[in-house]
Amino acid sequence: MAADLPTGWTWLQFNAAVDSLCPLECKRLFGSMNIDGSSVYYRKTIRQAVLDLANFIPEFTRNNETIYYNQDFAADGSASVGVMPPMAELQSGWYYNVYDQVRYPVVQVPWEGRFQLTTNATLDTLNSDYVSLTASGNSAIAVANTISMLKSAGRQKAGIMAISPKHDQFYLFPAVDGAWVFSMFWDGQKLDYRDAELVPFEEEAAQAVAWWVQAQFASYIERDIQRAAAFHLQYSNKRSNIYTRTKSKGFV
């Protein structure tokens, strides 16, 4: 399984782009409010729009990021035990240090070796096949480099991961703690986002989402059906344009 490290906007940056396109809606007092001055309804509407886009545009279900912090895991010896995102197809996994801003790859081993990860495991002790989740083409050189990193002095410079056959749970060694987080990139329908997580959509999607948000506010808050219909038409046209563009690139 091969993958390069994705780049792009974070969920926080995407929301900021939508905010700039919805200057009235993002600060409108309505119901429960967030500490940034936006309403809970406004943020939920952005998420609903993104889900609608992802249902229509397959490209927006690729390279989702989920960040796991220490509190997201259960401890089992020297390993962290986490829950996979529902229906996720894993593409790559990374350890990331939020202070030093360094990133190290993860190697996957069969599920049968998961309990060995609880006792300071290395690839040498697992006696099983493994693949590099983040190496280009899973080449022998890439895997050898990963093993060399695992053997280096000090804290492990790469991680080992075992995923259950049902793809609902995983073991991760070494345990995630301190300034370290685990970053997982995967394909599938993502339902919730954290501010620091990378998203697979940027400017064009932000404009579409802004029109969806404006349509919802016009319909349910201002009770202006004609204005809502005009915004929704712009949203539908933009969504179709994005679909056509991604289809021409082979993403559909």
C-alpha atoms as a PDB file:
ATOM      1  CA  MET A   1       0.000   0.000   0.000  1.00  0.00           C
ATOM      2  CA  ALA A   2       1.696   3.194  -1.153  1.00  0.00           C
ATOM      3  CA  ALA A   3       0.895   6.836  -0.606  1.00  0.00           C
ATOM      4  CA  ASP A   4       2.593  10.185  -0.539  1.00  0.00           C
ATOM      5  CA  LEU A   5       1.889  12.627   2.262  1.00  0.00           C
ATOM      6  CA  PRO A   6      -1.143  14.705   1.163  1.00  0.00           C
ATOM      7  CA  THR A   7      -1.084  18.479   1.344  1.00  0.00           C
ATOM      8  CA  GLY A   8      -3.787  21.130   1.299  1.00  0.00           C
ATOM      9  CA  TRP A   9      -6.065  23.089   3.587  1.00  0.00           C
ATOM     10  CA  THR A  10      -6.988  22.103   7.086  1.00  0.00           C
ATOM     11  CA  TRP A  11     -10.617  22.024   8.202  1.00  0.00           C
ATOM     12  CA  LEU A  12      -9.986  25.285  10.082  1.00  0.00           C
ATOM     13  CA  GLN A  13      -8.601  26.960   6.947  1.00  0.00           C
ATOM     14  CA  PHE A  14     -11.504  25.702   4.860  1.00  0.00           C
ATOM     15  CA  ASN A  15     -13.995  27.127   7.369  1.00  0.00           C
ATOM     16  CA  ALA A  16     -12.144  30.458   7.293  1.00  0.00           C
ATOM     17  CA  ALA A  17     -12.487  30.545   3.499  1.00  0.00           C
ATOM     18  CA  VAL A  18     -16.237  29.907   3.759  1.00  0.00           C
ATOM     19  CA  ASP A  19     -16.481  32.593   6.478  1.00  0.00           C
ATOM     20  CA  SER A  20     -14.937  35.148   4.108  1.00  0.00           C
ATOM     21  CA  LEU A  21     -17.637  34.327   1.541  1.00  0.00           C
ATOM     22  CA  CYS A  22     -20.441  34.439   4.121  1.00  0.00           C
ATOM     23  CA  PRO A  23     -19.628  37.583   6.148  1.00  0.00           C
ATOM     24  CA  LEU A  24     -23.208  38.052   7.372  1.00  0.00           C
ATOM     25  CA  GLU A  25     -24.091  34.427   8.034  1.00  0.00           C
ATOM     26  CA  CYS A  26     -20.868  33.595   9.898  1.00  0.00           C
ATOM     27  CA  LYS A  27     -21.494  36.242  12.568  1.00  0.00           C
ATOM     28  CA  ARG A  28     -25.285  36.166  12.716  1.00  0.00           C
ATOM     29  CA  LEU A  29     -26.700  35.674  16.217  1.00  0.00           C
ATOM     30  CA  PHE A  30     -28.885  32.594  16.099  1.00  0.00           C
ATOM     31  CA  GLY A  31     -29.441  29.937  18.758  1.00  0.00           C
ATOM     32  CA  SER A  32     -26.346  28.523  20.478  1.00  0.00           C
ATOM     33  CA  MET A  33     -23.113  30.359  19.716  1.00  0.00           C
ATOM     34  CA  ASN A  34     -19.488  29.220  19.405  1.00  0.00           C
ATOM     35  CA  ILE A  35     -16.548  31.032  21.013  1.00  0.00           C
ATOM     36  CA  ASP A  36     -15.448  32.312  17.556  1.00  0.00           C
ATOM     37  CA  GLY A  37     -18.681  34.304  17.249  1.00  0.00           C
ATOM     38  CA  SER A  38     -20.407  31.944  14.805  1.00  0.00           C
ATOM     39  CA  SER A  39     -23.573  30.039  15.535  1.00  0.00           C
ATOM     40  CA  VAL A  40     -23.632  26.284  16.057  1.00  0.00           C
ATOM     41  CA  TYR A  41     -26.210  26.155  13.253  1.00  0.00           C
ATOM     42  CA  TYR A  42     -23.794  27.900  10.861  1.00  0.00           C
ATOM     43  CA  ARG A  43     -20.948  25.408  11.495  1.00  0.00           C
ATOM     44  CA  LYS A  44     -23.319  22.450  11.212  1.00  0.00           C
ATOM     45  CA  THR A  45     -24.582  23.817   7.900  1.00  0.00           C
ATOM     46  CA  ILE A  46     -21.019  23.919   6.531  1.00  0.00           C
ATOM     47  CA  ARG A  47     -20.542  20.282   7.512  1.00  0.00           C
ATOM     48  CA  GLN A  48     -23.871  19.302   5.911  1.00  0.00           C
ATOM     49  CA  ALA A  49     -22.816  20.989   2.673  1.00  0.00           C
ATOM     50  CA  VAL A  50     -19.487  19.146   2.653  1.00  0.00           C
ATOM     51  CA  LEU A  51     -21.284  15.828   3.171  1.00  0.00           C
ATOM     52  CA  ASP A  52     -23.583  16.595   0.231  1.00  0.00           C
ATOM     53  CA  LEU A  53     -20.603  17.424  -1.981  1.00  0.00           C
ATOM     54  CA  ALA A  54     -18.820  14.212  -0.961  1.00  0.00           C
ATOM     55  CA  ASN A  55     -21.920  12.151  -1.788  1.00  0.00           C
ATOM     56  CA  PHE A  56     -21.888  13.647  -5.288  1.00  0.00           C
ATOM     57  CA  ILE A  57     -18.143  13.973  -5.976  1.00  0.00           C
ATOM     58  CA  PRO A  58     -15.990  10.857  -5.329  1.00  0.00           C
ATOM     59  CA  GLU A  59     -12.765  12.897  -5.270  1.00  0.00           C
ATOM     60  CA  PHE A  60     -13.922  14.450  -1.997  1.00  0.00           C
ATOM     61  CA  THR A  61     -13.937  11.042  -0.307  1.00  0.00           C
ATOM     62  CA  ARG A  62     -10.221  10.515  -0.960  1.00  0.00           C
ATOM     63  CA  ASN A  63      -7.286  11.353   1.333  1.00  0.00           C
ATOM     64  CA  ASN A  64      -9.308  12.274   4.391  1.00  0.00           C
ATOM     65  CA  GLU A  65      -7.175  12.830   7.473  1.00  0.00           C
ATOM     66  CA  THR A  66      -8.050  11.680  10.983  1.00  0.00           C
ATOM     67  CA  ILE A  67      -5.760  12.819  13.794  1.00  0.00           C
ATOM     68  CA  TYR A  68      -5.580  10.675  16.926  1.00  0.00           C
ATOM     69  CA  TYR A  69      -4.402  12.174  20.209  1.00  0.00           C
ATOM     70  CA  ASN A  70      -3.371  10.281  23.326  1.00  0.00           C
ATOM     71  CA  GLN A  71      -6.894  10.509  24.770  1.00  0.00           C
ATOM     72  CA  ASP A  72      -8.346   8.833  21.671  1.00  0.00           C
ATOM     73  CA  PHE A  73      -6.584   5.549  22.473  1.00  0.00           C
ATOM     74  CA  ALA A  74      -6.866   2.774  25.010  1.00  0.00           C
ATOM     75  CA  ALA A  75      -3.509   1.609  26.416  1.00  0.00           C
ATOM     76  CA  ASP A  76      -2.368  -2.003  26.097  1.00  0.00           C
ATOM     77  CA  GLY A  77       1.168  -2.368  27.399  1.00  0.00           C
ATOM     78  CA  SER A  78       3.532  -0.484  25.090  1.00  0.00           C
ATOM     79  CA  ALA A  79       0.874  -0.117  22.390  1.00  0.00           C
ATOM     80  CA  SER A  80      -2.040   2.229  21.747  1.00  0.00           C
ATOM     81  CA  VAL A  81      -5.367   0.690  20.680  1.00  0.00           C
ATOM     82  CA  GLY A  82      -7.579   2.824  18.454  1.00  0.00           C
ATOM     83  CA  VAL A  83     -10.814   2.658  16.472  1.00  0.00           C
ATOM     84  CA  MET A  84     -10.757   2.933  12.679  1.00  0.00           C
ATOM     85  CA  PRO A  85     -13.031   5.483  10.971  1.00  0.00           C
ATOM     86  CA  PRO A  86     -16.168   3.676   9.683  1.00  0.00           C
ATOM     87  CA  MET A  87     -15.697   2.059   6.253  1.00  0.00           C
ATOM     88  CA  ALA A  88     -12.201   3.565   5.925  1.00  0.00           C
ATOM     89  CA  GLU A  89      -9.718   2.353   3.315  1.00  0.00           C
ATOM     90  CA  LEU A  90      -6.323   3.168   4.808  1.00  0.00           C
ATOM     91  CA  GLN A  91      -3.813   4.913   2.544  1.00  0.00           C
ATOM     92  CA  SER A  92      -1.021   5.976   4.910  1.00  0.00           C
ATOM     93  CA  GLY A  93      -0.206   6.522   8.557  1.00  0.00           C
ATOM     94  CA  TRP A  94       2.247   8.895  10.233  1.00  0.00           C
ATOM     95  CA  TYR A  95       3.565   9.800  13.668  1.00  0.00           C
ATOM     96  CA  TYR A  96       3.744  13.582  14.039  1.00  0.00           C
ATOM     97  CA  ASN A  97       5.367  15.675  16.751  1.00  0.00           C
ATOM     98  CA  VAL A  98       3.373  18.875  17.220  1.00  0.00           C
ATOM     99  CA  TYR A  99       6.309  20.708  18.864  1.00  0.00           C
ATOM    100  CA  ASP A 100       9.241  19.668  16.676  1.00  0.00           C
ATOM    101  CA  GLN A 101       7.019  19.346  13.559  1.00  0.00           C
ATOM    102  CA  VAL A 102       8.681  16.132  12.427  1.00  0.00           C
ATOM    103  CA  ARG A 103       6.864  13.213  10.845  1.00  0.00           C
ATOM    104  CA  TYR A 104       7.743   9.495  10.712  1.00  0.00           C
ATOM    105  CA  PRO A 105       6.138   6.675   8.710  1.00  0.00           C
ATOM    106  CA  VAL A 106       4.209   3.611   9.844  1.00  0.00           C
ATOM    107  CA  VAL A 107       4.730  -0.037   8.861  1.00  0.00           C
ATOM    108  CA  GLN A 108       1.807  -2.464   8.849  1.00  0.00           C
ATOM    109  CA  VAL A 109       2.057  -6.041  10.143  1.00  0.00           C
ATOM    110  CA  PRO A 110      -0.609  -8.777  10.201  1.00  0.00           C
ATOM    111  CA  TRP A 111      -3.284  -8.653  12.894  1.00  0.00           C
ATOM    112  CA  GLU A 112      -1.944 -11.880  14.388  1.00  0.00           C
ATOM    113  CA  GLY A 113       1.143  -9.985  15.581  1.00  0.00           C
ATOM    114  CA  ARG A 114      -0.754  -7.307  17.472  1.00  0.00           C
ATOM    115  CA  PHE A 115      -0.012  -8.588  20.967  1.00  0.00           C
ATOM    116  CA  GLN A 116       3.720  -8.499  20.275  1.00  0.00           C
ATOM    117  CA  LEU A 117       3.321  -4.743  19.833  1.00  0.00           C
ATOM    118  CA  THR A 118       2.450  -4.440  23.527  1.00  0.00           C
ATOM    119  CA  THR A 119       5.958  -5.489  24.601  1.00  0.00           C
ATOM    120  CA  ASN A 120       8.437  -3.111  22.917  1.00  0.00           C
ATOM    121  CA  ALA A 121       8.254  -4.865  19.571  1.00  0.00           C
ATOM    122  CA  THR A 122      10.476  -4.368  16.548  1.00  0.00           C
ATOM    123  CA  LEU A 123      10.126  -5.830  13.073  1.00  0.00           C
ATOM    124  CA  ASP A 124      12.894  -8.314  13.886  1.00  0.00           C
ATOM    125  CA  THR A 125      10.837  -9.857  16.715  1.00  0.00           C
ATOM    126  CA  LEU A 126       7.561 -10.141  14.774  1.00  0.00           C
ATOM    127  CA  ASN A 127       8.766 -12.860  12.354  1.00  0.00           C
ATOM    128  CA  SER A 128       6.065 -11.989   9.834  1.00  0.00           C
ATOM    129  CA  ASP A 129       5.504 -10.198   6.573  1.00  0.00           C
ATOM    130  CA  TYR A 130       5.008  -6.453   6.644  1.00  0.00           C
ATOM    131  CA  VAL A 131       4.364  -3.573   4.258  1.00  0.00           C
ATOM    132  CA  SER A 132       5.363   0.063   4.411  1.00  0.00           C
ATOM    133  CA  LEU A 133       2.212   2.188   4.339  1.00  0.00           C
ATOM    134  CA  THR A 134       4.085   5.282   3.279  1.00  0.00           C
ATOM    135  CA  ALA A 135       6.853   3.994   1.008  1.00  0.00           C
ATOM    136  CA  SER A 136       6.629   4.568  -2.721  1.00  0.00           C
ATOM    137  CA  GLY A 137       5.832   1.214  -4.305  1.00  0.00           C
ATOM    138  CA  ASN A 138       6.720  -0.719  -1.148  1.00  0.00           C
ATOM    139  CA  SER A 139      10.193  -1.164  -2.615  1.00  0.00           C
ATOM    140  CA  ALA A 140      12.803  -3.261  -0.846  1.00  0.00           C
ATOM    141  CA  ILE A 141      14.966  -0.162  -0.342  1.00  0.00           C
ATOM    142  CA  ALA A 142      12.088   1.756   1.242  1.00  0.00           C
ATOM    143  CA  VAL A 143      11.287  -1.080   3.639  1.00  0.00           C
ATOM    144  CA  ALA A 144      14.979  -1.516   4.488  1.00  0.00           C
ATOM    145  CA  ASN A 145      15.181   2.197   5.276  1.00  0.00           C
ATOM    146  CA  THR A 146      12.144   1.874   7.542  1.00  0.00           C
ATOM    147  CA  ILE A 147      13.742  -1.026   9.421  1.00  0.00           C
ATOM    148  CA  SER A 148      16.922   1.022   9.807  1.00  0.00           C
ATOM    149  CA  MET A 149      14.868   3.839  11.302  1.00  0.00           C
ATOM    150  CA  LEU A 150      13.245   1.436  13.734  1.00  0.00           C
ATOM    151  CA  LYS A 151      16.661   0.247  14.925  1.00  0.00           C
ATOM    152  CA  SER A 152      18.059   3.749  15.417  1.00  0.00           C
ATOM    153  CA  ALA A 153      18.945   4.971  18.888  1.00  0.00           C
ATOM    154  CA  GLY A 154      16.509   6.878  21.073  1.00  0.00           C
ATOM    155  CA  ARG A 155      12.778   7.048  20.459  1.00  0.00           C
ATOM    156  CA  GLN A 156      11.459   4.871  17.649  1.00  0.00           C
ATOM    157  CA  LYS A 157      11.696   6.755  14.356  1.00  0.00           C
ATOM    158  CA  ALA A 158       8.861   4.804  12.753  1.00  0.00           C
ATOM    159  CA  GLY A 159       5.738   3.032  13.933  1.00  0.00           C
ATOM    160  CA  ILE A 160       4.228  -0.431  13.592  1.00  0.00           C
ATOM    161  CA  MET A 161       0.509  -0.927  13.047  1.00  0.00           C
ATOM    162  CA  ALA A 162      -1.780  -3.986  13.045  1.00  0.00           C
ATOM    163  CA  ILE A 163      -5.345  -3.625  11.717  1.00  0.00           C
ATOM    164  CA  SER A 164      -8.149  -6.049  12.517  1.00  0.00           C
ATOM    165  CA  PRO A 165      -9.663  -8.064   9.621  1.00  0.00           C
ATOM    166  CA  LYS A 166     -12.951  -6.208  10.185  1.00  0.00           C
ATOM    167  CA  HIS A 167     -11.132  -2.869   9.823  1.00  0.00           C
ATOM    168  CA  ASP A 168     -12.726  -1.602  13.030  1.00  0.00           C
ATOM    169  CA  GLN A 169      -9.719  -1.553  15.387  1.00  0.00           C
ATOM    170  CA  PHE A 170      -5.944  -1.197  15.262  1.00  0.00           C
ATOM    171  CA  TYR A 171      -2.887  -1.584  17.481  1.00  0.00           C
ATOM    172  CA  LEU A 172      -0.110   0.987  17.204  1.00  0.00           C
ATOM    173  CA  PHE A 173       3.460   0.830  18.529  1.00  0.00           C
ATOM    174  CA  PRO A 174       5.019   2.776  20.138  1.00  0.00           C
ATOM    175  CA  ALA A 175       2.200   4.238  22.220  1.00  0.00           C
ATOM    176  CA  VAL A 176       1.100   7.763  21.285  1.00  0.00           C
ATOM    177  CA  ASP A 177       1.917  10.150  24.113  1.00  0.00           C
ATOM    178  CA  GLY A 178       3.436  13.519  24.958  1.00  0.00           C
ATOM    179  CA  ALA A 179       3.779  15.780  21.933  1.00  0.00           C
ATOM    180  CA  TRP A 180       3.116  12.940  19.498  1.00  0.00           C
ATOM    181  CA  VAL A 181      -0.089  12.352  17.538  1.00  0.00           C
ATOM    182  CA  PHE A 182      -1.024   9.712  14.972  1.00  0.00           C
ATOM    183  CA  SER A 183      -2.183  10.970  11.576  1.00  0.00           C
ATOM    184  CA  MET A 184      -4.142   8.562   9.376  1.00  0.00           C
ATOM    185  CA  PHE A 185      -5.021   9.247   5.727  1.00  0.00           C
ATOM    186  CA  TRP A 186      -7.839   7.184   4.258  1.00  0.00           C
ATOM    187  CA  ASP A 187     -10.512   6.985   1.561  1.00  0.00           C
ATOM    188  CA  GLY A 188     -14.198   6.923   2.454  1.00  0.00           C
ATOM    189  CA  GLN A 189     -17.045   9.108   3.698  1.00  0.00           C
ATOM    190  CA  LYS A 190     -15.865  11.341   6.554  1.00  0.00           C
ATOM    191  CA  LEU A 191     -18.566  12.586   8.915  1.00  0.00           C
ATOM    192  CA  ASP A 192     -16.695  14.798  11.391  1.00  0.00           C
ATOM    193  CA  TYR A 193     -13.607  16.988  11.252  1.00  0.00           C
ATOM    194  CA  ARG A 194     -11.111  18.420  13.698  1.00  0.00           C
ATOM    195  CA  ASP A 195      -9.610  21.851  13.042  1.00  0.00           C
ATOM    196  CA  ALA A 196      -6.057  20.598  12.347  1.00  0.00           C
ATOM    197  CA  GLU A 197      -7.083  17.779   9.973  1.00  0.00           C
ATOM    198  CA  LEU A 198      -6.325  18.123   6.266  1.00  0.00           C
ATOM    199  CA  VAL A 199      -9.326  18.039   3.925  1.00  0.00           C
ATOM    200  CA  PRO A 200      -9.460  17.009   0.223  1.00  0.00           C
ATOM    201  CA  PHE A 201     -11.208  20.204  -0.938  1.00  0.00           C
ATOM    202  CA  GLU A 202     -10.234  23.872  -1.255  1.00  0.00           C
ATOM    203  CA  GLU A 203     -11.333  27.117  -3.031  1.00  0.00           C
ATOM    204  CA  GLU A 204     -13.891  25.779  -5.500  1.00  0.00           C
ATOM    205  CA  ALA A 205     -15.616  23.711  -2.840  1.00  0.00           C
ATOM    206  CA  ALA A 206     -15.572  26.680  -0.443  1.00  0.00           C
ATOM    207  CA  GLN A 207     -17.603  28.729  -2.929  1.00  0.00           C
ATOM    208  CA  ALA A 208     -20.091  25.901  -3.371  1.00  0.00           C
ATOM    209  CA  VAL A 209     -20.442  25.471   0.383  1.00  0.00           C
ATOM    210  CA  ALA A 210     -20.938  29.229   0.823  1.00  0.00           C
ATOM    211  CA  TRP A 211     -23.898  29.142  -1.564  1.00  0.00           C
ATOM    212  CA  TRP A 212     -25.368  26.158   0.283  1.00  0.00           C
ATOM    213  CA  VAL A 213     -25.028  28.014   3.591  1.00  0.00           C
ATOM    214  CA  GLN A 214     -26.619  31.162   2.174  1.00  0.00           C
ATOM    215  CA  ALA A 215     -29.489  29.101   0.758  1.00  0.00           C
ATOM    216  CA  GLN A 216     -30.137  27.504   4.147  1.00  0.00           C
ATOM    217  CA  PHE A 217     -30.092  30.836   5.992  1.00  0.00           C
ATOM    218  CA  ALA A 218     -32.367  32.440   3.393  1.00  0.00           C
ATOM    219  CA  SER A 219     -34.830  29.548   3.601  1.00  0.00           C
ATOM    220  CA  TYR A 220     -34.983  28.700   7.298  1.00  0.00           C
ATOM    221  CA  ILE A 221     -34.055  31.986   9.011  1.00  0.00           C
ATOM    222  CA  GLU A 222     -35.046  34.774   6.630  1.00  0.00           C
ATOM    223  CA  ARG A 223     -37.989  32.825   5.142  1.00  0.00           C
ATOM    224  CA  ASP A 224     -37.118  34.183   1.697  1.00  0.00           C
ATOM    225  CA  ILE A 225     -37.902  31.242  -0.577  1.00  0.00           C
ATOM    226  CA  GLN A 226     -36.971  33.002  -3.837  1.00  0.00           C
ATOM    227  CA  ARG A 227     -33.563  34.077  -2.540  1.00  0.00           C
ATOM    228  CA  ALA A 228     -32.967  30.589  -1.162  1.00  0.00           C
ATOM    229  CA  ALA A 229     -33.839  29.034  -4.532  1.00  0.00           C
ATOM    230  CA  ALA A 230     -31.387  31.354  -6.306  1.00  0.00           C
ATOM    231  CA  PHE A 231     -28.545  30.409  -3.939  1.00  0.00           C
ATOM    232  CA  HIS A 232     -29.379  26.707  -4.213  1.00  0.00           C
ATOM    233  CA  LEU A 233     -29.295  26.924  -8.030  1.00  0.00           C
ATOM    234  CA  GLN A 234     -25.816  28.466  -7.858  1.00  0.00           C
ATOM    235  CA  TYR A 235     -24.748  25.685  -5.485  1.00  0.00           C
ATOM    236  CA  SER A 236     -26.109  22.955  -7.773  1.00  0.00           C
ATOM    237  CA  ASN A 237     -24.367  24.454 -10.800  1.00  0.00           C
ATOM    238  CA  LYS A 238     -21.042  24.724  -8.966  1.00  0.00           C
ATOM    239  CA  ARG A 239     -21.374  21.149  -7.676  1.00  0.00           C
ATOM    240  CA  SER A 240     -21.994  19.925 -11.235  1.00  0.00           C
ATOM    241  CA  ASN A 241     -18.979  21.884 -12.506  1.00  0.00           C
ATOM    242  CA  ILE A 242     -16.742  20.322  -9.862  1.00  0.00           C
ATOM    243  CA  TYR A 243     -18.062  16.865 -10.733  1.00  0.00           C
ATOM    244  CA  THR A 244     -17.380  17.415 -14.435  1.00  0.00           C
ATOM    245  CA  ARG A 245     -13.865  18.701 -13.752  1.00  0.00           C
ATOM    246  CA  THR A 246     -12.941  15.776 -11.499  1.00  0.00           C
ATOM    247  CA  LYS A 247     -14.484  13.299 -13.957  1.00  0.00           C
ATOM    248  CA  SER A 248     -12.284  14.645 -16.741  1.00  0.00           C
ATOM    249  CA  LYS A 249      -9.268  13.997 -14.519  1.00  0.00           C
ATOM    250  CA  GLY A 250     -10.303  10.398 -13.943  1.00  0.00           C
ATOM    251  CA  PHE A 251     -11.428  10.735 -10.332  1.00  0.00           C
ATOM    252  CA  VAL A 252     -14.992   9.528 -11.034  1.00  0.00           C
END
